[in-house]
All heavy atoms as atom14 arrays in JSON, in Angstrom:
{
  "sequence": "FQHRERVASHYQMSVALKSEIKKLIYTHVGIWLLLLAQMCVG",
  "atom14_mask": [
    [1, 1, 1, 1, 1, 1, 1, 1, 1, 1, 1, 0, 0, 0],
    [1, 1, 1, 1, 1, 1, 1, 1, 1, 0, 0, 0, 0, 0],
    [1, 1, 1, 1, 1, 1, 1, 1, 1, 1, 0, 0, 0, 0],
    [1, 1, 1, 1, 1, 1, 1, 1, 1, 1, 1, 0, 0, 0],
    [1, 1, 1, 1, 1, 1, 1, 1, 1, 0, 0, 0, 0, 0],
    [1, 1, 1, 1, 1, 1, 1, 1, 1, 1, 1, 0, 0, 0],
    [1, 1, 1, 1, 1, 1, 1, 0, 0, 0, 0, 0, 0, 0],
    [1, 1, 1, 1, 1, 0, 0, 0, 0, 0, 0, 0, 0, 0],
    [1, 1, 1, 1, 1, 1, 0, 0, 0, 0, 0, 0, 0, 0],
    [1, 1, 1, 1, 1, 1, 1, 1, 1, 1, 0, 0, 0, 0],
    [1, 1, 1, 1, 1, 1, 1, 1, 1, 1, 1, 1, 0, 0],
    [1, 1, 1, 1, 1, 1, 1, 1, 1, 0, 0, 0, 0, 0],
    [1, 1, 1, 1, 1, 1, 1, 1, 0, 0, 0, 0, 0, 0],
    [1, 1, 1, 1, 1, 1, 0, 0, 0, 0, 0, 0, 0, 0],
    [1, 1, 1, 1, 1, 1, 1, 0, 0, 0, 0, 0, 0, 0],
    [1, 1, 1, 1, 1, 0, 0, 0, 0, 0, 0, 0, 0, 0],
    [1, 1, 1, 1, 1, 1, 1, 1, 0, 0, 0, 0, 0, 0],
    [1, 1, 1, 1, 1, 1, 1, 1, 1, 0, 0, 0, 0, 0],
    [1, 1, 1, 1, 1, 1, 0, 0, 0, 0, 0, 0, 0, 0],
    [1, 1, 1, 1, 1, 1, 1, 1, 1, 0, 0, 0, 0, 0],
    [1, 1, 1, 1, 1, 1, 1, 1, 0, 0, 0, 0, 0, 0],
    [1, 1, 1, 1, 1, 1, 1, 1, 1, 0, 0, 0, 0, 0],
    [1, 1, 1, 1, 1, 1, 1, 1, 1, 0, 0, 0, 0, 0],
    [1, 1, 1, 1, 1, 1, 1, 1, 0, 0, 0, 0, 0, 0],
    [1, 1, 1, 1, 1, 1, 1, 1, 0, 0, 0, 0, 0, 0],
    [1, 1, 1, 1, 1, 1, 1, 1, 1, 1, 1, 1, 0, 0],
    [1, 1, 1, 1, 1, 1, 1, 0, 0, 0, 0, 0, 0, 0],
    [1, 1, 1, 1, 1, 1, 1, 1, 1, 1, 0, 0, 0, 0],
    [1, 1, 1, 1, 1, 1, 1, 0, 0, 0, 0, 0, 0, 0],
    [1, 1, 1, 1, 0, 0, 0, 0, 0, 0, 0, 0, 0, 0],
    [1, 1, 1, 1, 1, 1, 1, 1, 0, 0, 0, 0, 0, 0],
    [1, 1, 1, 1, 1, 1, 1, 1, 1, 1, 1, 1, 1, 1],
    [1, 1, 1, 1, 1, 1, 1, 1, 0, 0, 0, 0, 0, 0],
    [1, 1, 1, 1, 1, 1, 1, 1, 0, 0, 0, 0, 0, 0],
    [1, 1, 1, 1, 1, 1, 1, 1, 0, 0, 0, 0, 0, 0],
    [1, 1, 1, 1, 1, 1, 1, 1, 0, 0, 0, 0, 0, 0],
    [1, 1, 1, 1, 1, 0, 0, 0, 0, 0, 0, 0, 0, 0],
    [1, 1, 1, 1, 1, 1, 1, 1, 1, 0, 0, 0, 0, 0],
    [1, 1, 1, 1, 1, 1, 1, 1, 0, 0, 0, 0, 0, 0],
    [1, 1, 1, 1, 1, 1, 0, 0, 0, 0, 0, 0, 0, 0],
    [1, 1, 1, 1, 1, 1, 1, 0, 0, 0, 0, 0, 0, 0],
    [1, 1, 1, 1, 0, 0, 0, 0, 0, 0, 0, 0, 0, 0]
  ],
  "atom14_positions": [
    [[30.46, 91.67, 83.03], [30.35, 93.13, 83.04], [29.38, 93.65, 81.99], [29.05, 94.83, 81.98], [31.72, 93.77, 82.78], [32.26, 93.44, 81.42], [32.0, 94.27, 80.34], [33.02, 92.3, 81.21], [32.48, 93.96, 79.08], [33.5, 91.99, 79.96], [33.23, 92.82, 78.89], [0.0, 0.0, 0.0], [0.0, 0.0, 0.0], [0.0, 0.0, 0.0]],
    [[28.9, 92.8, 81.08], [28.11, 93.27, 79.94], [26.78, 93.88, 80.37], [26.25, 94.74, 79.68], [27.9, 92.15, 78.93], [29.19, 91.81, 78.23], [28.99, 90.79, 77.14], [27.9, 90.27, 76.98], [30.04, 90.51, 76.4], [0.0, 0.0, 0.0], [0.0, 0.0, 0.0], [0.0, 0.0, 0.0], [0.0, 0.0, 0.0], [0.0, 0.0, 0.0]],
    [[26.2, 93.48, 81.47], [24.93, 94.06, 81.9], [25.09, 95.54, 82.23], [24.15, 96.3, 82.17], [24.38, 93.31, 83.12], [25.19, 93.5, 84.36], [26.35, 92.79, 84.58], [25.02, 94.31, 85.42], [26.86, 93.16, 85.75], [26.07, 94.09, 86.28], [0.0, 0.0, 0.0], [0.0, 0.0, 0.0], [0.0, 0.0, 0.0], [0.0, 0.0, 0.0]],
    [[26.31, 95.95, 82.56], [26.56, 97.36, 82.88], [26.8, 98.19, 81.63], [26.83, 99.4, 81.69], [27.76, 97.48, 83.8], [27.45, 96.96, 85.19], [28.68, 96.99, 86.01], [29.46, 95.79, 85.64], [30.62, 95.48, 86.15], [31.18, 96.24, 87.04], [31.23, 94.39, 85.78], [0.0, 0.0, 0.0], [0.0, 0.0, 0.0], [0.0, 0.0, 0.0]],
    [[26.95, 97.58, 80.48], [27.23, 98.31, 79.26], [26.0, 98.58, 78.41], [26.11, 99.17, 77.36], [28.28, 97.55, 78.43], [29.63, 97.57, 79.1], [30.72, 97.11, 78.17], [30.46, 96.87, 76.98], [31.85, 97.0, 78.63], [0.0, 0.0, 0.0], [0.0, 0.0, 0.0], [0.0, 0.0, 0.0], [0.0, 0.0, 0.0], [0.0, 0.0, 0.0]],
    [[24.84, 98.17, 78.88], [23.62, 98.46, 78.14], [23.2, 99.89, 78.38], [23.28, 100.39, 79.5], [22.49, 97.52, 78.57], [22.46, 96.26, 77.74], [21.27, 95.43, 78.07], [21.72, 94.48, 79.1], [21.06, 94.17, 80.18], [19.88, 94.67, 80.42], [21.55, 93.32, 81.05], [0.0, 0.0, 0.0], [0.0, 0.0, 0.0], [0.0, 0.0, 0.0]],
    [[22.72, 100.54, 77.32], [22.21, 101.9, 77.42], [20.71, 101.8, 77.69], [20.02, 101.0, 77.07], [22.48, 102.68, 76.11], [21.88, 104.07, 76.18], [23.97, 102.75, 75.84], [0.0, 0.0, 0.0], [0.0, 0.0, 0.0], [0.0, 0.0, 0.0], [0.0, 0.0, 0.0], [0.0, 0.0, 0.0], [0.0, 0.0, 0.0], [0.0, 0.0, 0.0]],
    [[20.23, 102.61, 78.6], [18.81, 102.58, 78.95], [17.97, 102.86, 77.71], [18.36, 103.65, 76.83], [18.51, 103.61, 80.03], [0.0, 0.0, 0.0], [0.0, 0.0, 0.0], [0.0, 0.0, 0.0], [0.0, 0.0, 0.0], [0.0, 0.0, 0.0], [0.0, 0.0, 0.0], [0.0, 0.0, 0.0], [0.0, 0.0, 0.0], [0.0, 0.0, 0.0]],
    [[16.81, 102.22, 77.64], [15.99, 102.3, 76.43], [15.53, 103.71, 76.11], [15.45, 104.1, 74.94], [14.79, 101.37, 76.55], [13.95, 101.81, 77.6], [0.0, 0.0, 0.0], [0.0, 0.0, 0.0], [0.0, 0.0, 0.0], [0.0, 0.0, 0.0], [0.0, 0.0, 0.0], [0.0, 0.0, 0.0], [0.0, 0.0, 0.0], [0.0, 0.0, 0.0]],
    [[15.22, 104.52, 77.13], [14.76, 105.88, 76.83], [15.89, 106.74, 76.25], [15.63, 107.66, 75.49], [14.11, 106.54, 78.05], [14.98, 106.63, 79.24], [15.04, 105.62, 80.17], [15.82, 107.59, 79.67], [15.89, 105.97, 81.12], [16.38, 107.16, 80.84], [0.0, 0.0, 0.0], [0.0, 0.0, 0.0], [0.0, 0.0, 0.0], [0.0, 0.0, 0.0]],
    [[17.14, 106.44, 76.59], [18.26, 107.16, 75.98], [18.43, 106.73, 74.52], [18.72, 107.55, 73.65], [19.56, 106.92, 76.75], [19.56, 107.55, 78.12], [19.78, 106.78, 79.25], [19.34, 108.92, 78.3], [19.78, 107.34, 80.51], [19.34, 109.49, 79.55], [19.55, 108.69, 80.65], [19.55, 109.25, 81.9], [0.0, 0.0, 0.0], [0.0, 0.0, 0.0]],
    [[18.29, 105.43, 74.26], [18.36, 104.95, 72.88], [17.25, 105.57, 72.04], [17.47, 106.0, 70.91], [18.24, 103.43, 72.84], [19.42, 102.69, 73.39], [19.18, 101.19, 73.44], [18.06, 100.72, 73.38], [20.26, 100.43, 73.55], [0.0, 0.0, 0.0], [0.0, 0.0, 0.0], [0.0, 0.0, 0.0], [0.0, 0.0, 0.0], [0.0, 0.0, 0.0]],
    [[16.04, 105.63, 72.62], [14.91, 106.2, 71.91], [15.12, 107.69, 71.66], [14.81, 108.19, 70.59], [13.61, 105.98, 72.69], [12.38, 106.48, 71.95], [10.88, 106.2, 72.86], [10.73, 104.44, 72.63], [0.0, 0.0, 0.0], [0.0, 0.0, 0.0], [0.0, 0.0, 0.0], [0.0, 0.0, 0.0], [0.0, 0.0, 0.0], [0.0, 0.0, 0.0]],
    [[15.69, 108.37, 72.62], [15.94, 109.81, 72.47], [16.87, 110.07, 71.29], [16.62, 110.95, 70.47], [16.54, 110.37, 73.75], [16.85, 111.73, 73.62], [0.0, 0.0, 0.0], [0.0, 0.0, 0.0], [0.0, 0.0, 0.0], [0.0, 0.0, 0.0], [0.0, 0.0, 0.0], [0.0, 0.0, 0.0], [0.0, 0.0, 0.0], [0.0, 0.0, 0.0]],
    [[17.92, 109.31, 71.19], [18.88, 109.48, 70.09], [18.22, 109.19, 68.74], [18.38, 109.95, 67.78], [20.12, 108.58, 70.3], [21.0, 108.57, 69.08], [20.9, 109.05, 71.51], [0.0, 0.0, 0.0], [0.0, 0.0, 0.0], [0.0, 0.0, 0.0], [0.0, 0.0, 0.0], [0.0, 0.0, 0.0], [0.0, 0.0, 0.0], [0.0, 0.0, 0.0]],
    [[17.45, 108.12, 68.68], [16.78, 107.76, 67.42], [15.74, 108.81, 67.01], [15.66, 109.19, 65.84], [16.11, 106.39, 67.56], [0.0, 0.0, 0.0], [0.0, 0.0, 0.0], [0.0, 0.0, 0.0], [0.0, 0.0, 0.0], [0.0, 0.0, 0.0], [0.0, 0.0, 0.0], [0.0, 0.0, 0.0], [0.0, 0.0, 0.0], [0.0, 0.0, 0.0]],
    [[14.97, 109.3, 67.98], [13.95, 110.29, 67.67], [14.56, 111.63, 67.26], [14.07, 112.3, 66.36], [13.0, 110.47, 68.85], [12.09, 109.29, 69.15], [11.37, 109.48, 70.48], [11.09, 109.1, 68.02], [0.0, 0.0, 0.0], [0.0, 0.0, 0.0], [0.0, 0.0, 0.0], [0.0, 0.0, 0.0], [0.0, 0.0, 0.0], [0.0, 0.0, 0.0]],
    [[15.65, 112.02, 67.92], [16.34, 113.24, 67.53], [16.81, 113.14, 66.08], [16.7, 114.1, 65.31], [17.54, 113.5, 68.43], [17.19, 114.04, 69.79], [18.47, 114.25, 70.59], [18.22, 114.64, 72.0], [19.46, 114.83, 72.76], [0.0, 0.0, 0.0], [0.0, 0.0, 0.0], [0.0, 0.0, 0.0], [0.0, 0.0, 0.0], [0.0, 0.0, 0.0]],
    [[17.32, 112.0, 65.7], [17.78, 111.8, 64.33], [16.63, 111.94, 63.33], [16.77, 112.6, 62.3], [18.43, 110.43, 64.21], [18.72, 110.12, 62.88], [0.0, 0.0, 0.0], [0.0, 0.0, 0.0], [0.0, 0.0, 0.0], [0.0, 0.0, 0.0], [0.0, 0.0, 0.0], [0.0, 0.0, 0.0], [0.0, 0.0, 0.0], [0.0, 0.0, 0.0]],
    [[15.49, 111.32, 63.64], [14.32, 111.4, 62.75], [13.81, 112.84, 62.65], [13.47, 113.31, 61.57], [13.2, 110.47, 63.23], [13.52, 109.01, 63.1], [13.76, 108.59, 61.67], [13.02, 109.01, 60.77], [14.71, 107.81, 61.44], [0.0, 0.0, 0.0], [0.0, 0.0, 0.0], [0.0, 0.0, 0.0], [0.0, 0.0, 0.0], [0.0, 0.0, 0.0]],
    [[13.75, 113.53, 63.77], [13.26, 114.9, 63.77], [14.2, 115.8, 62.98], [13.76, 116.68, 62.24], [13.05, 115.42, 65.21], [11.92, 114.64, 65.89], [12.72, 116.9, 65.21], [11.78, 114.91, 67.38], [0.0, 0.0, 0.0], [0.0, 0.0, 0.0], [0.0, 0.0, 0.0], [0.0, 0.0, 0.0], [0.0, 0.0, 0.0], [0.0, 0.0, 0.0]],
    [[15.5, 115.57, 63.11], [16.46, 116.37, 62.33], [16.25, 116.17, 60.83], [16.29, 117.13, 60.06], [17.9, 116.01, 62.71], [18.34, 116.61, 64.01], [19.76, 116.2, 64.33], [20.18, 116.67, 65.7], [21.54, 116.25, 66.06], [0.0, 0.0, 0.0], [0.0, 0.0, 0.0], [0.0, 0.0, 0.0], [0.0, 0.0, 0.0], [0.0, 0.0, 0.0]],
    [[16.01, 114.93, 60.41], [15.74, 114.68, 58.99], [14.5, 115.44, 58.53], [14.48, 116.03, 57.44], [15.55, 113.18, 58.74], [16.79, 112.35, 58.89], [16.45, 110.87, 58.74], [17.57, 109.98, 59.19], [17.19, 108.56, 59.18], [0.0, 0.0, 0.0], [0.0, 0.0, 0.0], [0.0, 0.0, 0.0], [0.0, 0.0, 0.0], [0.0, 0.0, 0.0]],
    [[13.46, 115.42, 59.36], [12.23, 116.12, 59.01], [12.44, 117.64, 58.99], [11.89, 118.34, 58.13], [11.1, 115.76, 60.0], [10.6, 114.33, 59.88], [9.75, 113.96, 61.09], [9.82, 114.14, 58.59], [0.0, 0.0, 0.0], [0.0, 0.0, 0.0], [0.0, 0.0, 0.0], [0.0, 0.0, 0.0], [0.0, 0.0, 0.0], [0.0, 0.0, 0.0]],
    [[13.24, 118.15, 59.91], [13.53, 119.58, 59.93], [14.3, 119.97, 58.68], [14.01, 121.0, 58.06], [14.28, 119.98, 61.22], [13.32, 119.92, 62.41], [14.9, 121.36, 61.09], [13.99, 120.14, 63.76], [0.0, 0.0, 0.0], [0.0, 0.0, 0.0], [0.0, 0.0, 0.0], [0.0, 0.0, 0.0], [0.0, 0.0, 0.0], [0.0, 0.0, 0.0]],
    [[15.25, 119.17, 58.27], [16.01, 119.49, 57.06], [15.11, 119.42, 55.82], [15.26, 120.22, 54.9], [17.22, 118.57, 56.91], [18.22, 118.73, 58.04], [18.93, 117.64, 58.53], [18.45, 119.96, 58.64], [19.83, 117.78, 59.56], [19.35, 120.1, 59.68], [20.04, 119.01, 60.14], [20.94, 119.16, 61.16], [0.0, 0.0, 0.0], [0.0, 0.0, 0.0]],
    [[14.17, 118.49, 55.8], [13.2, 118.43, 54.7], [12.33, 119.68, 54.71], [12.06, 120.27, 53.66], [12.32, 117.17, 54.82], [13.17, 116.03, 54.87], [11.36, 117.05, 53.66], [0.0, 0.0, 0.0], [0.0, 0.0, 0.0], [0.0, 0.0, 0.0], [0.0, 0.0, 0.0], [0.0, 0.0, 0.0], [0.0, 0.0, 0.0], [0.0, 0.0, 0.0]],
    [[11.92, 120.08, 55.9], [11.11, 121.31, 56.02], [11.88, 122.53, 55.54], [11.33, 123.39, 54.85], [10.66, 121.51, 57.47], [10.07, 122.85, 57.72], [10.61, 123.72, 58.62], [9.01, 123.48, 57.17], [9.9, 124.84, 58.61], [8.93, 124.71, 57.73], [0.0, 0.0, 0.0], [0.0, 0.0, 0.0], [0.0, 0.0, 0.0], [0.0, 0.0, 0.0]],
    [[13.15, 122.61, 55.89], [13.97, 123.74, 55.43], [14.06, 123.74, 53.9], [14.01, 124.81, 53.27], [15.37, 123.7, 56.09], [16.32, 124.69, 55.43], [15.26, 123.97, 57.58], [0.0, 0.0, 0.0], [0.0, 0.0, 0.0], [0.0, 0.0, 0.0], [0.0, 0.0, 0.0], [0.0, 0.0, 0.0], [0.0, 0.0, 0.0], [0.0, 0.0, 0.0]],
    [[14.15, 122.57, 53.29], [14.15, 122.49, 51.82], [12.85, 123.02, 51.22], [12.87, 123.81, 50.26], [0.0, 0.0, 0.0], [0.0, 0.0, 0.0], [0.0, 0.0, 0.0], [0.0, 0.0, 0.0], [0.0, 0.0, 0.0], [0.0, 0.0, 0.0], [0.0, 0.0, 0.0], [0.0, 0.0, 0.0], [0.0, 0.0, 0.0], [0.0, 0.0, 0.0]],
    [[11.71, 122.61, 51.78], [10.42, 123.12, 51.31], [10.34, 124.62, 51.52], [9.9, 125.38, 50.64], [9.26, 122.41, 52.05], [9.22, 120.94, 51.68], [7.92, 123.07, 51.76], [8.31, 120.1, 52.56], [0.0, 0.0, 0.0], [0.0, 0.0, 0.0], [0.0, 0.0, 0.0], [0.0, 0.0, 0.0], [0.0, 0.0, 0.0], [0.0, 0.0, 0.0]],
    [[10.78, 125.09, 52.68], [10.76, 126.5, 53.01], [11.6, 127.31, 52.03], [11.19, 128.38, 51.58], [11.26, 126.67, 54.45], [11.16, 128.06, 54.99], [10.06, 128.64, 55.56], [12.2, 129.04, 55.02], [10.36, 129.92, 55.94], [11.67, 130.19, 55.63], [13.52, 129.05, 54.6], [12.42, 131.34, 55.82], [14.27, 130.19, 54.8], [13.72, 131.32, 55.4]],
    [[12.78, 126.79, 51.69], [13.65, 127.49, 50.73], [13.02, 127.55, 49.34], [13.15, 128.56, 48.64], [15.02, 126.83, 50.67], [15.91, 127.05, 51.89], [17.16, 126.18, 51.81], [16.28, 128.52, 52.02], [0.0, 0.0, 0.0], [0.0, 0.0, 0.0], [0.0, 0.0, 0.0], [0.0, 0.0, 0.0], [0.0, 0.0, 0.0], [0.0, 0.0, 0.0]],
    [[12.33, 126.48, 48.93], [11.63, 126.5, 47.64], [10.53, 127.56, 47.61], [10.39, 128.3, 46.63], [11.05, 125.13, 47.31], [12.04, 124.06, 46.89], [11.34, 122.71, 46.77], [12.69, 124.44, 45.56], [0.0, 0.0, 0.0], [0.0, 0.0, 0.0], [0.0, 0.0, 0.0], [0.0, 0.0, 0.0], [0.0, 0.0, 0.0], [0.0, 0.0, 0.0]],
    [[9.76, 127.65, 48.69], [8.71, 128.66, 48.76], [9.31, 130.07, 48.8], [8.79, 130.99, 48.17], [7.82, 128.44, 49.97], [6.86, 127.28, 49.87], [6.08, 127.11, 51.16], [5.9, 127.46, 48.71], [0.0, 0.0, 0.0], [0.0, 0.0, 0.0], [0.0, 0.0, 0.0], [0.0, 0.0, 0.0], [0.0, 0.0, 0.0], [0.0, 0.0, 0.0]],
    [[10.4, 130.23, 49.53], [11.07, 131.53, 49.59], [11.59, 131.92, 48.21], [11.45, 133.07, 47.78], [12.21, 131.49, 50.6], [12.97, 132.8, 50.8], [12.06, 133.85, 51.43], [14.2, 132.56, 51.67], [0.0, 0.0, 0.0], [0.0, 0.0, 0.0], [0.0, 0.0, 0.0], [0.0, 0.0, 0.0], [0.0, 0.0, 0.0], [0.0, 0.0, 0.0]],
    [[12.16, 130.97, 47.5], [12.66, 131.24, 46.14], [11.51, 131.62, 45.21], [11.64, 132.57, 44.43], [13.41, 130.02, 45.6], [0.0, 0.0, 0.0], [0.0, 0.0, 0.0], [0.0, 0.0, 0.0], [0.0, 0.0, 0.0], [0.0, 0.0, 0.0], [0.0, 0.0, 0.0], [0.0, 0.0, 0.0], [0.0, 0.0, 0.0], [0.0, 0.0, 0.0]],
    [[10.39, 130.9, 45.31], [9.24, 131.23, 44.47], [8.73, 132.63, 44.78], [8.38, 133.4, 43.88], [8.12, 130.21, 44.68], [6.94, 130.4, 43.76], [5.63, 130.56, 44.49], [5.54, 130.29, 45.68], [4.63, 130.99, 43.78], [0.0, 0.0, 0.0], [0.0, 0.0, 0.0], [0.0, 0.0, 0.0], [0.0, 0.0, 0.0], [0.0, 0.0, 0.0]],
    [[8.72, 132.99, 46.05], [8.25, 134.33, 46.44], [9.2, 135.41, 45.94], [8.76, 136.44, 45.44], [8.1, 134.41, 47.95], [6.97, 133.55, 48.47], [6.85, 133.55, 50.24], [5.89, 135.04, 50.46], [0.0, 0.0, 0.0], [0.0, 0.0, 0.0], [0.0, 0.0, 0.0], [0.0, 0.0, 0.0], [0.0, 0.0, 0.0], [0.0, 0.0, 0.0]],
    [[10.49, 135.18, 46.06], [11.48, 136.16, 45.59], [11.4, 136.33, 44.08], [11.42, 137.46, 43.58], [12.89, 135.75, 46.01], [13.19, 135.89, 47.78], [0.0, 0.0, 0.0], [0.0, 0.0, 0.0], [0.0, 0.0, 0.0], [0.0, 0.0, 0.0], [0.0, 0.0, 0.0], [0.0, 0.0, 0.0], [0.0, 0.0, 0.0], [0.0, 0.0, 0.0]],
    [[11.31, 135.23, 43.36], [11.23, 135.29, 41.9], [9.94, 135.99, 41.48], [9.94, 136.81, 40.55], [11.32, 133.87, 41.29], [10.92, 133.87, 39.82], [12.72, 133.32, 41.45], [0.0, 0.0, 0.0], [0.0, 0.0, 0.0], [0.0, 0.0, 0.0], [0.0, 0.0, 0.0], [0.0, 0.0, 0.0], [0.0, 0.0, 0.0], [0.0, 0.0, 0.0]],
    [[8.84, 135.72, 42.17], [7.57, 136.35, 41.83], [7.55, 137.83, 42.11], [7.08, 138.63, 41.28], [0.0, 0.0, 0.0], [0.0, 0.0, 0.0], [0.0, 0.0, 0.0], [0.0, 0.0, 0.0], [0.0, 0.0, 0.0], [0.0, 0.0, 0.0], [0.0, 0.0, 0.0], [0.0, 0.0, 0.0], [0.0, 0.0, 0.0], [0.0, 0.0, 0.0]]
  ]
}
């Protein structure tokens, strides 16, 4: 039955890429918040 339990490669890739993009988005939000803070303080 194990051949039926494999996840298709494009689904695996989708999950991995979503995870990487989320990390990059959270990094972007951190940079954005720093710039916003600098603008508010200025």
